[in-house]
Protein backbone atom coordinates (compact mmCIF):
# COMPACT_ATOMS: atom_id res chain seq x y z
CA UNK A 1 -0.76 -0.65 19.06
CA UNK A 2 -4.49 -0.21 19.33
CA UNK A 3 -7.29 -2.72 19.65
CA UNK A 4 -10.06 -2.68 17.05
CA UNK A 5 -13.32 -4.59 16.80
CA UNK A 6 -14.88 -5.15 13.38
CA UNK A 7 -18.19 -6.91 12.80
CA UNK A 8 -17.82 -9.65 10.21
CA UNK A 9 -20.47 -11.62 8.34
CA UNK A 10 -18.85 -14.97 9.13
CA UNK A 11 -17.40 -14.62 12.67
CA UNK A 12 -19.43 -11.79 14.22
CA UNK A 13 -17.38 -9.23 16.18
CA UNK A 14 -13.64 -9.82 15.73
CA UNK A 15 -11.21 -8.07 18.10
CA UNK A 16 -7.59 -7.67 17.02
CA UNK A 17 -4.49 -5.57 17.58
CA UNK A 18 -3.38 -3.06 14.92
CA UNK A 19 0.34 -2.68 14.25
CA UNK A 20 1.75 0.82 14.68
CA UNK A 21 2.03 1.32 10.91
CA UNK A 22 -1.68 0.63 10.23
CA UNK A 23 -3.64 3.74 9.19
CA UNK A 24 -6.87 2.41 10.72
CA UNK A 25 -9.92 0.43 9.71
CA UNK A 26 -12.59 3.11 9.25
CA UNK A 27 -12.69 2.19 5.55
CA UNK A 28 -13.79 -1.36 6.53
CA UNK A 29 -16.35 -0.42 9.21
CA UNK A 30 -20.00 -0.76 8.30
CA UNK A 31 -19.27 -2.99 5.31
CA UNK A 32 -20.13 -6.63 4.79
CA UNK A 33 -16.71 -8.15 5.30
CA UNK A 34 -15.52 -11.57 6.32
CA UNK A 35 -12.80 -12.16 8.90
CA UNK A 36 -10.30 -12.91 6.11
CA UNK A 37 -11.05 -9.46 4.61
CA UNK A 38 -9.71 -7.61 7.68
CA UNK A 39 -6.66 -5.80 6.34
CA UNK A 40 -4.02 -3.53 7.85
CA UNK A 41 -2.78 -0.88 5.40
CA UNK A 42 0.13 1.53 5.72
CA UNK A 43 0.15 5.05 4.35
CA UNK A 44 0.45 5.10 0.57
CA UNK A 45 3.82 6.05 -0.92
CA UNK A 46 3.76 7.68 -4.35
CA UNK A 47 6.19 8.68 -7.07
CA UNK A 48 5.57 11.10 -9.93
CA UNK A 49 7.35 12.37 -13.01
CA UNK A 50 7.43 16.13 -13.61
CA UNK A 51 7.02 16.48 -17.38
CA UNK A 52 6.88 19.61 -19.48
CA UNK A 53 4.04 18.46 -21.72
CA UNK A 54 1.73 16.94 -19.08
CA UNK A 55 2.93 18.39 -15.77
CA UNK A 56 2.96 15.93 -12.87
CA UNK A 57 2.36 12.37 -14.04
CA UNK A 58 1.77 9.64 -11.44
CA UNK A 59 4.01 6.62 -11.98
CA UNK A 60 3.66 4.62 -8.75
CA UNK A 61 1.55 4.16 -5.65
CA UNK A 62 2.39 1.45 -3.14
CA UNK A 63 1.68 0.50 0.45
CA UNK A 64 2.22 -2.32 2.87
CA UNK A 65 -0.85 -4.45 3.37
CA UNK A 66 -1.51 -7.40 5.64
CA UNK A 67 -4.66 -9.46 6.11
CA UNK A 68 -3.61 -11.23 9.34
CA UNK A 69 -6.35 -13.87 9.15
CA UNK A 70 -5.56 -14.74 5.50
CA UNK A 71 -1.84 -13.99 4.97
CA UNK A 72 1.18 -15.14 6.91
CA UNK A 73 3.20 -11.97 6.35
CA UNK A 74 2.72 -8.38 5.12
CA UNK A 75 2.80 -7.86 1.36
CA UNK A 76 3.40 -4.79 -0.81
CA UNK A 77 0.48 -3.53 -2.90
CA UNK A 78 1.83 -1.93 -6.07
CA UNK A 79 0.10 0.27 -8.64
CA UNK A 80 2.30 1.27 -11.58
CA UNK A 81 0.63 3.82 -13.83
CA UNK A 82 2.42 5.14 -16.90
CA UNK A 83 0.18 4.51 -19.90
CA UNK A 84 0.68 7.46 -22.15
CA UNK A 85 2.61 8.90 -25.05
CA UNK A 86 5.20 11.56 -24.27
CA UNK A 87 7.29 13.89 -26.37
CA UNK A 88 10.82 12.54 -26.62
CA UNK A 89 12.05 15.52 -24.57
CA UNK A 90 9.99 14.33 -21.57
CA UNK A 91 11.30 10.75 -21.54
CA UNK A 92 14.26 11.69 -19.33
CA UNK A 93 11.77 13.11 -16.80
CA UNK A 94 9.64 9.97 -16.94
CA UNK A 95 12.75 7.80 -16.51
CA UNK A 96 13.78 9.86 -13.46
CA UNK A 97 10.30 9.36 -11.98
CA UNK A 98 10.57 5.62 -12.60
CA UNK A 99 13.99 5.48 -10.89
CA UNK A 100 12.49 7.27 -7.89
CA UNK A 101 9.59 4.82 -7.96
CA UNK A 102 12.01 1.87 -7.98
CA UNK A 103 13.90 3.22 -4.95
CA UNK A 104 10.67 3.79 -3.01
CA UNK A 105 9.38 0.36 -3.94
CA UNK A 106 12.62 -1.29 -2.78
CA UNK A 107 12.42 0.62 0.54
CA UNK A 108 8.82 -0.47 0.98
CA UNK A 109 9.77 -4.11 0.34
CA UNK A 110 12.59 -3.86 2.88
CA UNK A 111 10.15 -2.47 5.44
CA UNK A 112 7.68 -5.31 4.79
CA UNK A 113 10.49 -7.86 5.26
CA UNK A 114 11.52 -6.16 8.52
CA UNK A 115 7.92 -6.34 9.75
CA UNK A 116 7.91 -10.11 9.36
CA UNK A 117 10.20 -10.31 12.37
CA UNK A 118 7.70 -8.35 14.46
CA UNK A 119 4.78 -10.70 13.82
CA UNK A 120 6.49 -14.04 14.35
């Protein structure tokens, strides 16, 4: 774990410990944030479908996120992105990508639940 200090608009400098899975807070530094905006994020996990007509098509991006001053436990941020028309021949590929996405999402949820035990 590392210690980070972020300057907030409502509480001034706030010092806190980052969990090992946090990718850092450089994206929040130098911004006008409140203490409740301080957020730990994990690396993003993605899933794609390899289609013949469109090549690689993103279907999912997710990560664990936790705003320790606003949320009791880590949550899972989910972005599902399959808004397109596909030739019928590619639907099996899209379905395979969605099954992979579901497995990764379930693993991510399990990890977030496991982390709850570390923060209590």
